Amino acid sequence: MDLSGVAAILALLGIPASVLIARWQMRSTLRQAEEASRAALVIAESNYRNALEVAEANHRNALEVVREQADVERERWLLEARSTQYRLFQGAVARCRRSYLAQEIDREEWGDALHELHEALYAIGQVGPEEVYGIAIRLKGMCGTMADMRLSLDPDSPDSRARYWEDAVRPYRVELNQAISRALNSSELRGNRDL
């Protein structure tokens, strides 16, 4: 056999060998592609879980921020409501004092002062706290007693009325002012520095 015949036989034998090698290379490439695909899926699932956890944490944080802001706003509203109602009540008590100590009896002024006192007391009952409300009830009772004494044309002198105010009523007013100060500066309302 000549050299060209041997070359032809080797060439024929080389075709199946190269097909076989190409097939092995293709299978190896497919296996690598499948492994890469599985690894990519694992990474994608891990990234998805991480992103979901981050989103849930952000959602919880956002809810907490909103809750804290709502608490701050509620506390701010309560502080303003208390301040306003306390001022109105104290103004009504001062009006009763002026009526009680006045030289002349003004029944209409007394009626207005007592009505204002009653309305302010009701509002204090709504915004609290109990300590202030309890003292305010006692002060309202004292003002009612003063009105009864004054409107019954009690012949008490202005000096005796002034002494009664100082001895009987003023201590409640001082106690009320202290309770109001505690209520407005309580940790419940002042716990947040944003107030």
N, C-alpha and C. Protein backbone atom coordinates (compact mmCIF):
# COMPACT_ATOMS: atom_id res chain seq x y z
N MET A 1 0.84 -1.13 0.00
CA MET A 1 0.00 0.00 0.00
C MET A 1 0.90 1.21 0.00
N ASP A 2 0.48 2.06 -0.67
CA ASP A 2 1.33 3.23 -0.81
C ASP A 2 0.97 4.26 0.24
N LEU A 3 1.72 5.20 0.23
CA LEU A 3 1.61 6.25 1.25
C LEU A 3 0.29 7.00 1.15
N SER A 4 -0.20 7.20 0.00
CA SER A 4 -1.46 7.92 -0.16
C SER A 4 -2.61 7.07 0.33
N GLY A 5 -2.52 5.73 0.20
CA GLY A 5 -3.56 4.84 0.68
C GLY A 5 -3.61 4.84 2.19
N VAL A 6 -2.40 4.82 2.81
CA VAL A 6 -2.32 4.85 4.27
C VAL A 6 -2.87 6.17 4.75
N ALA A 7 -2.59 7.23 4.06
CA ALA A 7 -3.09 8.55 4.46
C ALA A 7 -4.59 8.59 4.36
N ALA A 8 -5.14 7.92 3.32
CA ALA A 8 -6.60 7.90 3.13
C ALA A 8 -7.24 7.12 4.26
N ILE A 9 -6.65 5.99 4.66
CA ILE A 9 -7.22 5.17 5.74
C ILE A 9 -7.13 5.94 7.06
N LEU A 10 -6.04 6.59 7.29
CA LEU A 10 -5.89 7.38 8.52
C LEU A 10 -6.89 8.54 8.53
N ALA A 11 -7.10 9.11 7.36
CA ALA A 11 -8.06 10.20 7.26
C ALA A 11 -9.45 9.70 7.57
N LEU A 12 -9.80 8.50 7.05
CA LEU A 12 -11.12 7.93 7.32
C LEU A 12 -11.27 7.58 8.80
N LEU A 13 -10.22 7.07 9.38
CA LEU A 13 -10.26 6.74 10.80
C LEU A 13 -10.29 8.02 11.66
N GLY A 14 -9.76 9.13 11.22
CA GLY A 14 -9.70 10.39 11.94
C GLY A 14 -11.05 11.08 12.01
N ILE A 15 -11.92 10.81 11.03
CA ILE A 15 -13.24 11.46 11.02
C ILE A 15 -14.05 11.02 12.23
N PRO A 16 -14.20 9.68 12.49
CA PRO A 16 -14.97 9.31 13.68
C PRO A 16 -14.28 9.77 14.97
N ALA A 17 -12.98 9.80 15.00
CA ALA A 17 -12.28 10.23 16.21
C ALA A 17 -12.54 11.70 16.46
N SER A 18 -12.50 12.52 15.41
CA SER A 18 -12.76 13.95 15.61
C SER A 18 -14.22 14.20 15.94
N VAL A 19 -15.14 13.37 15.37
CA VAL A 19 -16.56 13.49 15.72
C VAL A 19 -16.73 13.12 17.20
N LEU A 20 -16.04 12.07 17.60
CA LEU A 20 -16.13 11.62 18.99
C LEU A 20 -15.57 12.69 19.93
N ILE A 21 -14.46 13.30 19.60
CA ILE A 21 -13.86 14.35 20.42
C ILE A 21 -14.78 15.57 20.47
N ALA A 22 -15.37 15.94 19.33
CA ALA A 22 -16.30 17.08 19.26
C ALA A 22 -17.52 16.82 20.14
N ARG A 23 -17.98 15.55 20.11
CA ARG A 23 -19.15 15.19 20.92
C ARG A 23 -18.81 15.29 22.41
N TRP A 24 -17.63 14.82 22.83
CA TRP A 24 -17.22 14.93 24.22
C TRP A 24 -17.11 16.40 24.64
N GLN A 25 -16.55 17.20 23.74
CA GLN A 25 -16.42 18.63 24.03
C GLN A 25 -17.81 19.28 24.18
N MET A 26 -18.76 18.86 23.32
CA MET A 26 -20.11 19.42 23.37
C MET A 26 -20.79 19.02 24.69
N ARG A 27 -20.63 17.75 25.10
CA ARG A 27 -21.24 17.30 26.37
C ARG A 27 -20.62 18.04 27.55
N SER A 28 -19.34 18.22 27.51
CA SER A 28 -18.65 18.93 28.57
C SER A 28 -19.13 20.38 28.64
N THR A 29 -19.28 21.00 27.50
CA THR A 29 -19.76 22.39 27.44
C THR A 29 -21.19 22.48 27.96
N LEU A 30 -22.05 21.51 27.58
CA LEU A 30 -23.43 21.49 28.07
C LEU A 30 -23.48 21.32 29.58
N ARG A 31 -22.63 20.42 30.12
CA ARG A 31 -22.58 20.22 31.57
C ARG A 31 -22.15 21.50 32.28
N GLN A 32 -21.15 22.16 31.72
CA GLN A 32 -20.68 23.41 32.31
C GLN A 32 -21.78 24.48 32.25
N ALA A 33 -22.51 24.50 31.14
CA ALA A 33 -23.60 25.48 31.00
C ALA A 33 -24.71 25.19 32.01
N GLU A 34 -25.04 23.90 32.21
CA GLU A 34 -26.06 23.54 33.20
C GLU A 34 -25.62 23.91 34.61
N GLU A 35 -24.37 23.64 34.92
CA GLU A 35 -23.85 23.98 36.24
C GLU A 35 -23.85 25.50 36.45
N ALA A 36 -23.47 26.23 35.42
CA ALA A 36 -23.49 27.69 35.50
C ALA A 36 -24.92 28.20 35.66
N SER A 37 -25.86 27.56 34.96
CA SER A 37 -27.27 27.94 35.06
C SER A 37 -27.79 27.68 36.47
N ARG A 38 -27.47 26.49 37.04
CA ARG A 38 -27.90 26.18 38.41
C ARG A 38 -27.28 27.16 39.41
N ALA A 39 -26.00 27.47 39.23
CA ALA A 39 -25.34 28.42 40.13
C ALA A 39 -25.99 29.80 40.01
N ALA A 40 -26.33 30.20 38.79
CA ALA A 40 -26.98 31.50 38.57
C ALA A 40 -28.35 31.53 39.24
N LEU A 41 -29.11 30.40 39.16
CA LEU A 41 -30.42 30.32 39.82
C LEU A 41 -30.27 30.42 41.33
N VAL A 42 -29.28 29.74 41.90
CA VAL A 42 -29.05 29.80 43.34
C VAL A 42 -28.73 31.23 43.76
N ILE A 43 -27.88 31.89 42.99
CA ILE A 43 -27.51 33.27 43.29
C ILE A 43 -28.73 34.18 43.15
N ALA A 44 -29.51 33.97 42.08
CA ALA A 44 -30.71 34.79 41.86
C ALA A 44 -31.71 34.61 43.00
N GLU A 45 -31.92 33.36 43.45
CA GLU A 45 -32.84 33.11 44.56
C GLU A 45 -32.32 33.75 45.85
N SER A 46 -31.03 33.65 46.07
CA SER A 46 -30.44 34.27 47.25
C SER A 46 -30.61 35.79 47.20
N ASN A 47 -30.34 36.38 46.05
CA ASN A 47 -30.51 37.84 45.88
C ASN A 47 -31.97 38.24 46.09
N TYR A 48 -32.89 37.42 45.58
CA TYR A 48 -34.32 37.70 45.74
C TYR A 48 -34.70 37.67 47.22
N ARG A 49 -34.25 36.64 47.96
CA ARG A 49 -34.55 36.56 49.39
C ARG A 49 -33.96 37.75 50.13
N ASN A 50 -32.71 38.11 49.81
CA ASN A 50 -32.08 39.26 50.45
C ASN A 50 -32.84 40.55 50.15
N ALA A 51 -33.24 40.74 48.90
CA ALA A 51 -33.99 41.94 48.52
C ALA A 51 -35.34 41.97 49.23
N LEU A 52 -35.98 40.81 49.36
CA LEU A 52 -37.26 40.73 50.06
C LEU A 52 -37.10 41.07 51.53
N GLU A 53 -36.04 40.55 52.16
CA GLU A 53 -35.77 40.86 53.57
C GLU A 53 -35.51 42.35 53.76
N VAL A 54 -34.73 42.94 52.85
CA VAL A 54 -34.44 44.37 52.93
C VAL A 54 -35.73 45.18 52.76
N ALA A 55 -36.57 44.79 51.81
CA ALA A 55 -37.84 45.49 51.58
C ALA A 55 -38.74 45.39 52.81
N GLU A 56 -38.81 44.20 53.42
CA GLU A 56 -39.63 44.03 54.62
C GLU A 56 -39.08 44.86 55.78
N ALA A 57 -37.77 44.88 55.93
CA ALA A 57 -37.15 45.70 56.99
C ALA A 57 -37.43 47.17 56.75
N ASN A 58 -37.31 47.62 55.52
CA ASN A 58 -37.60 49.02 55.20
C ASN A 58 -39.06 49.35 55.48
N HIS A 59 -39.94 48.42 55.16
CA HIS A 59 -41.37 48.62 55.41
C HIS A 59 -41.64 48.74 56.91
N ARG A 60 -41.04 47.83 57.70
CA ARG A 60 -41.21 47.91 59.16
C ARG A 60 -40.66 49.21 59.70
N ASN A 61 -39.49 49.62 59.21
CA ASN A 61 -38.90 50.89 59.66
C ASN A 61 -39.78 52.07 59.30
N ALA A 62 -40.34 52.05 58.09
CA ALA A 62 -41.22 53.14 57.67
C ALA A 62 -42.47 53.19 58.55
N LEU A 63 -43.03 52.02 58.87
CA LEU A 63 -44.20 51.99 59.76
C LEU A 63 -43.85 52.52 61.14
N GLU A 64 -42.69 52.17 61.64
CA GLU A 64 -42.26 52.64 62.95
C GLU A 64 -42.08 54.15 62.95
N VAL A 65 -41.50 54.69 61.88
CA VAL A 65 -41.32 56.14 61.77
C VAL A 65 -42.69 56.83 61.75
N VAL A 66 -43.62 56.29 60.98
CA VAL A 66 -44.96 56.87 60.92
C VAL A 66 -45.63 56.80 62.29
N ARG A 67 -45.49 55.68 62.98
CA ARG A 67 -46.07 55.51 64.31
C ARG A 67 -45.47 56.53 65.28
N GLU A 68 -44.16 56.70 65.23
CA GLU A 68 -43.49 57.67 66.12
C GLU A 68 -43.95 59.09 65.81
N GLN A 69 -44.07 59.42 64.52
CA GLN A 69 -44.56 60.75 64.15
C GLN A 69 -45.98 60.98 64.63
N ALA A 70 -46.81 59.95 64.53
CA ALA A 70 -48.19 60.07 65.01
C ALA A 70 -48.21 60.28 66.52
N ASP A 71 -47.34 59.57 67.24
CA ASP A 71 -47.26 59.76 68.69
C ASP A 71 -46.82 61.17 69.04
N VAL A 72 -45.82 61.67 68.31
CA VAL A 72 -45.33 63.03 68.56
C VAL A 72 -46.44 64.04 68.29
N GLU A 73 -47.17 63.86 67.20
CA GLU A 73 -48.26 64.79 66.87
C GLU A 73 -49.38 64.72 67.91
N ARG A 74 -49.69 63.51 68.37
CA ARG A 74 -50.73 63.36 69.39
C ARG A 74 -50.29 64.05 70.68
N GLU A 75 -49.04 63.85 71.06
CA GLU A 75 -48.53 64.50 72.27
C GLU A 75 -48.50 66.01 72.12
N ARG A 76 -48.14 66.49 70.94
CA ARG A 76 -48.12 67.94 70.69
C ARG A 76 -49.55 68.50 70.79
N TRP A 77 -50.50 67.78 70.19
CA TRP A 77 -51.89 68.23 70.25
C TRP A 77 -52.37 68.25 71.69
N LEU A 78 -52.06 67.18 72.45
CA LEU A 78 -52.50 67.11 73.84
C LEU A 78 -51.89 68.23 74.66
N LEU A 79 -50.63 68.53 74.46
CA LEU A 79 -49.97 69.62 75.17
C LEU A 79 -50.65 70.95 74.86
N GLU A 80 -50.92 71.20 73.58
CA GLU A 80 -51.58 72.45 73.19
C GLU A 80 -53.00 72.52 73.74
N ALA A 81 -53.72 71.40 73.68
CA ALA A 81 -55.10 71.37 74.20
C ALA A 81 -55.10 71.62 75.70
N ARG A 82 -54.20 70.97 76.41
CA ARG A 82 -54.12 71.19 77.86
C ARG A 82 -53.79 72.64 78.17
N SER A 83 -52.79 73.17 77.51
CA SER A 83 -52.40 74.56 77.77
C SER A 83 -53.58 75.50 77.57
N THR A 84 -54.28 75.32 76.47
CA THR A 84 -55.41 76.20 76.16
C THR A 84 -56.51 76.06 77.21
N GLN A 85 -56.88 74.84 77.55
CA GLN A 85 -57.97 74.65 78.51
C GLN A 85 -57.57 75.11 79.91
N TYR A 86 -56.32 74.92 80.28
CA TYR A 86 -55.87 75.39 81.59
C TYR A 86 -55.94 76.91 81.65
N ARG A 87 -55.51 77.58 80.57
CA ARG A 87 -55.58 79.05 80.55
C ARG A 87 -57.03 79.52 80.65
N LEU A 88 -57.93 78.86 79.92
CA LEU A 88 -59.33 79.25 79.98
C LEU A 88 -59.90 79.06 81.39
N PHE A 89 -59.55 77.95 82.02
CA PHE A 89 -60.05 77.71 83.37
C PHE A 89 -59.49 78.75 84.34
N GLN A 90 -58.20 79.01 84.26
CA GLN A 90 -57.60 79.99 85.16
C GLN A 90 -58.18 81.38 84.92
N GLY A 91 -58.47 81.70 83.66
CA GLY A 91 -59.13 82.98 83.37
C GLY A 91 -60.51 83.05 83.99
N ALA A 92 -61.24 81.94 83.97
CA ALA A 92 -62.58 81.91 84.58
C ALA A 92 -62.48 82.05 86.09
N VAL A 93 -61.47 81.41 86.71
CA VAL A 93 -61.28 81.55 88.16
C VAL A 93 -60.93 83.01 88.49
N ALA A 94 -60.08 83.62 87.69
CA ALA A 94 -59.73 85.03 87.91
C ALA A 94 -60.97 85.91 87.78
N ARG A 95 -61.82 85.58 86.85
CA ARG A 95 -63.06 86.35 86.66
C ARG A 95 -63.96 86.21 87.90
N CYS A 96 -64.04 85.00 88.45
CA CYS A 96 -64.80 84.80 89.67
C CYS A 96 -64.19 85.61 90.82
N ARG A 97 -62.89 85.63 90.89
CA ARG A 97 -62.21 86.39 91.95
C ARG A 97 -62.54 87.88 91.84
N ARG A 98 -62.46 88.39 90.60
CA ARG A 98 -62.79 89.82 90.42
C ARG A 98 -64.23 90.10 90.83
N SER A 99 -65.15 89.21 90.46
CA SER A 99 -66.55 89.39 90.82
C SER A 99 -66.75 89.32 92.33
N TYR A 100 -66.03 88.42 92.96
CA TYR A 100 -66.16 88.23 94.40
C TYR A 100 -65.61 89.43 95.16
N LEU A 101 -64.50 89.98 94.68
CA LEU A 101 -63.86 91.09 95.39
C LEU A 101 -64.38 92.45 94.96
N ALA A 102 -65.22 92.51 93.95
CA ALA A 102 -65.73 93.80 93.45
C ALA A 102 -66.59 94.48 94.51
N GLN A 103 -66.61 95.80 94.46
CA GLN A 103 -67.43 96.59 95.38
C GLN A 103 -68.91 96.36 95.12
N GLU A 104 -69.26 96.36 93.85
CA GLU A 104 -70.66 96.19 93.46
C GLU A 104 -70.91 94.75 93.00
N ILE A 105 -72.11 94.25 93.28
CA ILE A 105 -72.48 92.90 92.86
C ILE A 105 -73.06 93.00 91.46
N ASP A 106 -72.51 92.20 90.55
CA ASP A 106 -73.00 92.14 89.16
C ASP A 106 -73.43 90.70 88.90
N ARG A 107 -74.74 90.47 89.01
CA ARG A 107 -75.27 89.11 88.87
C ARG A 107 -74.99 88.53 87.48
N GLU A 108 -75.08 89.35 86.48
CA GLU A 108 -74.82 88.86 85.11
C GLU A 108 -73.36 88.44 84.95
N GLU A 109 -72.47 89.24 85.51
CA GLU A 109 -71.04 88.91 85.46
C GLU A 109 -70.78 87.59 86.19
N TRP A 110 -71.41 87.42 87.34
CA TRP A 110 -71.26 86.16 88.07
C TRP A 110 -71.77 84.99 87.25
N GLY A 111 -72.93 85.16 86.63
CA GLY A 111 -73.49 84.09 85.81
C GLY A 111 -72.57 83.72 84.67
N ASP A 112 -72.04 84.74 83.99
CA ASP A 112 -71.10 84.49 82.89
C ASP A 112 -69.83 83.81 83.38
N ALA A 113 -69.31 84.28 84.51
CA ALA A 113 -68.07 83.71 85.05
C ALA A 113 -68.27 82.24 85.43
N LEU A 114 -69.39 81.95 86.09
CA LEU A 114 -69.65 80.56 86.49
C LEU A 114 -69.88 79.66 85.28
N HIS A 115 -70.56 80.18 84.26
CA HIS A 115 -70.76 79.39 83.03
C HIS A 115 -69.41 79.11 82.35
N GLU A 116 -68.59 80.14 82.25
CA GLU A 116 -67.25 79.98 81.66
C GLU A 116 -66.43 78.96 82.46
N LEU A 117 -66.54 79.03 83.78
CA LEU A 117 -65.83 78.09 84.65
C LEU A 117 -66.31 76.66 84.41
N HIS A 118 -67.62 76.48 84.30
CA HIS A 118 -68.19 75.16 84.06
C HIS A 118 -67.70 74.59 82.71
N GLU A 119 -67.73 75.40 81.66
CA GLU A 119 -67.29 74.95 80.33
C GLU A 119 -65.80 74.59 80.34
N ALA A 120 -65.00 75.42 81.00
CA ALA A 120 -63.56 75.16 81.05
C ALA A 120 -63.28 73.89 81.85
N LEU A 121 -64.04 73.67 82.93
CA LEU A 121 -63.85 72.45 83.73
C LEU A 121 -64.18 71.22 82.89
N TYR A 122 -65.24 71.27 82.12
CA TYR A 122 -65.61 70.15 81.26
C TYR A 122 -64.46 69.85 80.28
N ALA A 123 -63.89 70.89 79.69
CA ALA A 123 -62.79 70.69 78.74
C ALA A 123 -61.56 70.10 79.42
N ILE A 124 -61.27 70.53 80.64
CA ILE A 124 -60.13 69.96 81.37
C ILE A 124 -60.37 68.48 81.63
N GLY A 125 -61.62 68.13 81.90
CA GLY A 125 -61.95 66.72 82.09
C GLY A 125 -61.65 65.90 80.85
N GLN A 126 -61.74 66.51 79.68
CA GLN A 126 -61.47 65.81 78.44
C GLN A 126 -59.98 65.61 78.19
N VAL A 127 -59.15 66.58 78.58
CA VAL A 127 -57.72 66.49 78.27
C VAL A 127 -56.86 66.06 79.45
N GLY A 128 -57.43 66.11 80.68
CA GLY A 128 -56.74 65.60 81.86
C GLY A 128 -55.52 66.39 82.25
N PRO A 129 -54.73 65.80 83.07
CA PRO A 129 -54.86 64.51 83.75
C PRO A 129 -55.79 64.63 84.97
N GLU A 130 -56.00 63.51 85.63
CA GLU A 130 -56.93 63.46 86.77
C GLU A 130 -56.54 64.42 87.89
N GLU A 131 -55.26 64.56 88.14
CA GLU A 131 -54.80 65.43 89.23
C GLU A 131 -55.30 66.86 88.99
N VAL A 132 -55.11 67.38 87.79
CA VAL A 132 -55.54 68.75 87.48
C VAL A 132 -57.06 68.83 87.53
N TYR A 133 -57.72 67.84 86.98
CA TYR A 133 -59.18 67.84 86.95
C TYR A 133 -59.76 67.84 88.37
N GLY A 134 -59.19 67.04 89.26
CA GLY A 134 -59.68 66.99 90.64
C GLY A 134 -59.54 68.33 91.35
N ILE A 135 -58.40 68.98 91.17
CA ILE A 135 -58.20 70.29 91.80
C ILE A 135 -59.14 71.31 91.17
N ALA A 136 -59.33 71.23 89.86
CA ALA A 136 -60.22 72.16 89.18
C ALA A 136 -61.66 72.01 89.68
N ILE A 137 -62.08 70.77 89.96
CA ILE A 137 -63.43 70.55 90.51
C ILE A 137 -63.55 71.25 91.87
N ARG A 138 -62.53 71.10 92.71
CA ARG A 138 -62.58 71.76 94.03
C ARG A 138 -62.62 73.27 93.88
N LEU A 139 -61.84 73.80 92.95
CA LEU A 139 -61.84 75.26 92.74
C LEU A 139 -63.19 75.74 92.22
N LYS A 140 -63.80 74.96 91.34
CA LYS A 140 -65.13 75.33 90.85
C LYS A 140 -66.13 75.36 92.00
N GLY A 141 -66.02 74.38 92.89
CA GLY A 141 -66.90 74.37 94.06
C GLY A 141 -66.68 75.60 94.94
N MET A 142 -65.43 75.97 95.13
CA MET A 142 -65.11 77.16 95.93
C MET A 142 -65.69 78.41 95.28
N CYS A 143 -65.56 78.50 93.95
CA CYS A 143 -66.10 79.67 93.24
C CYS A 143 -67.63 79.70 93.35
N GLY A 144 -68.25 78.54 93.31
CA GLY A 144 -69.71 78.49 93.50
C GLY A 144 -70.10 78.97 94.89
N THR A 145 -69.32 78.56 95.90
CA THR A 145 -69.57 79.01 97.27
C THR A 145 -69.40 80.52 97.38
N MET A 146 -68.35 81.05 96.75
CA MET A 146 -68.13 82.50 96.78
C MET A 146 -69.30 83.22 96.11
N ALA A 147 -69.79 82.67 95.01
CA ALA A 147 -70.92 83.29 94.32
C ALA A 147 -72.15 83.28 95.22
N ASP A 148 -72.41 82.14 95.88
CA ASP A 148 -73.56 82.06 96.78
C ASP A 148 -73.44 83.09 97.91
N MET A 149 -72.25 83.20 98.48
CA MET A 149 -72.05 84.16 99.57
C MET A 149 -72.24 85.59 99.08
N ARG A 150 -71.69 85.88 97.93
CA ARG A 150 -71.74 87.26 97.41
C ARG A 150 -73.13 87.62 96.92
N LEU A 151 -73.78 86.68 96.24
CA LEU A 151 -75.09 86.98 95.67
C LEU A 151 -76.20 86.96 96.72
N SER A 152 -75.94 86.38 97.88
CA SER A 152 -76.94 86.41 98.93
C SER A 152 -76.87 87.72 99.69
N LEU A 153 -76.13 88.67 99.08
CA LEU A 153 -75.96 90.01 99.67
C LEU A 153 -75.31 89.93 101.03
N ASP A 154 -74.34 89.03 101.12
CA ASP A 154 -73.57 88.88 102.35
C ASP A 154 -72.94 90.22 102.68
N PRO A 155 -73.11 90.67 103.89
CA PRO A 155 -72.58 91.99 104.24
C PRO A 155 -71.08 91.97 104.53
N ASP A 156 -70.39 90.88 104.19
CA ASP A 156 -68.95 90.83 104.45
C ASP A 156 -68.26 92.04 103.83
N SER A 157 -67.28 92.51 104.54
CA SER A 157 -66.52 93.64 104.03
C SER A 157 -65.55 93.17 102.95
N PRO A 158 -65.08 94.11 102.12
CA PRO A 158 -64.08 93.72 101.10
C PRO A 158 -62.85 93.08 101.73
N ASP A 159 -62.47 93.54 102.92
CA ASP A 159 -61.29 92.95 103.57
C ASP A 159 -61.55 91.50 103.97
N SER A 160 -62.73 91.20 104.49
CA SER A 160 -63.01 89.81 104.89
C SER A 160 -63.12 88.92 103.65
N ARG A 161 -63.65 89.46 102.56
CA ARG A 161 -63.70 88.67 101.32
C ARG A 161 -62.28 88.40 100.81
N ALA A 162 -61.43 89.42 100.87
CA ALA A 162 -60.04 89.25 100.43
C ALA A 162 -59.33 88.21 101.29
N ARG A 163 -59.60 88.23 102.61
CA ARG A 163 -58.99 87.24 103.49
C ARG A 163 -59.50 85.84 103.17
N TYR A 164 -60.80 85.75 102.91
CA TYR A 164 -61.37 84.44 102.54
C TYR A 164 -60.71 83.92 101.28
N TRP A 165 -60.54 84.79 100.31
CA TRP A 165 -59.87 84.38 99.06
C TRP A 165 -58.47 83.87 99.37
N GLU A 166 -57.72 84.65 100.12
CA GLU A 166 -56.33 84.28 100.42
C GLU A 166 -56.25 82.99 101.24
N ASP A 167 -57.13 82.83 102.20
CA ASP A 167 -57.04 81.68 103.11
C ASP A 167 -57.68 80.42 102.55
N ALA A 168 -58.83 80.57 101.89
CA ALA A 168 -59.59 79.39 101.48
C ALA A 168 -59.39 79.01 100.02
N VAL A 169 -59.31 80.00 99.14
CA VAL A 169 -59.32 79.70 97.70
C VAL A 169 -57.91 79.70 97.11
N ARG A 170 -57.12 80.67 97.48
CA ARG A 170 -55.79 80.82 96.88
C ARG A 170 -54.94 79.54 96.99
N PRO A 171 -54.96 78.83 98.13
CA PRO A 171 -54.15 77.59 98.21
C PRO A 171 -54.53 76.58 97.11
N TYR A 172 -55.82 76.50 96.79
CA TYR A 172 -56.23 75.61 95.70
C TYR A 172 -55.69 76.11 94.36
N ARG A 173 -55.67 77.40 94.21
CA ARG A 173 -55.15 77.97 92.96
C ARG A 173 -53.66 77.68 92.83
N VAL A 174 -52.93 77.79 93.90
CA VAL A 174 -51.49 77.47 93.88
C VAL A 174 -51.31 75.99 93.58
N GLU A 175 -52.12 75.15 94.23
CA GLU A 175 -52.05 73.71 93.98
C GLU A 175 -52.37 73.40 92.52
N LEU A 176 -53.37 74.10 91.97
CA LEU A 176 -53.72 73.92 90.56
C LEU A 176 -52.54 74.32 89.66
N ASN A 177 -51.92 75.45 89.93
CA ASN A 177 -50.78 75.88 89.11
C ASN A 177 -49.65 74.86 89.14
N GLN A 178 -49.40 74.28 90.30
CA GLN A 178 -48.34 73.28 90.41
C GLN A 178 -48.71 72.01 89.63
N ALA A 179 -49.97 71.60 89.74
CA ALA A 179 -50.42 70.41 89.01
C ALA A 179 -50.36 70.64 87.51
N ILE A 180 -50.73 71.84 87.09
CA ILE A 180 -50.67 72.18 85.66
C ILE A 180 -49.23 72.14 85.18
N SER A 181 -48.33 72.69 85.98
CA SER A 181 -46.91 72.67 85.60
C SER A 181 -46.42 71.24 85.45
N ARG A 182 -46.80 70.38 86.38
CA ARG A 182 -46.40 68.97 86.28
C ARG A 182 -47.00 68.32 85.04
N ALA A 183 -48.26 68.63 84.78
CA ALA A 183 -48.94 68.01 83.62
C ALA A 183 -48.32 68.45 82.31
N LEU A 184 -47.94 69.72 82.22
CA LEU A 184 -47.37 70.23 80.97
C LEU A 184 -45.92 69.85 80.79
N ASN A 185 -45.26 69.50 81.86
CA ASN A 185 -43.84 69.12 81.78
C ASN A 185 -43.61 67.65 82.05
N SER A 186 -44.67 66.86 82.01
CA SER A 186 -44.55 65.44 82.33
C SER A 186 -43.72 64.72 81.28
N SER A 187 -43.15 63.59 81.68
CA SER A 187 -42.34 62.81 80.75
C SER A 187 -43.21 62.26 79.63
N GLU A 188 -44.50 62.08 79.91
CA GLU A 188 -45.41 61.59 78.85
C GLU A 188 -45.42 62.56 77.67
N LEU A 189 -45.46 63.86 78.01
CA LEU A 189 -45.53 64.85 76.94
C LEU A 189 -44.17 65.38 76.52
N ARG A 190 -43.21 65.33 77.41
CA ARG A 190 -41.90 65.89 77.09
C ARG A 190 -40.86 64.84 76.79
N GLY A 191 -41.29 63.58 76.68
CA GLY A 191 -40.35 62.49 76.45
C GLY A 191 -39.67 62.59 75.10
N ASN A 192 -40.28 63.27 74.17
CA ASN A 192 -39.73 63.40 72.84
C ASN A 192 -39.15 64.81 72.67
N ARG A 193 -37.91 64.94 72.30
CA ARG A 193 -37.27 66.23 72.16
C ARG A 193 -37.86 67.07 71.04
N ASP A 194 -38.63 66.45 70.13
CA ASP A 194 -39.20 67.21 69.01
C ASP A 194 -40.35 68.10 69.43
N LEU A 195 -40.87 67.92 70.64
CA LEU A 195 -42.04 68.71 71.06
C LEU A 195 -41.71 70.16 71.22
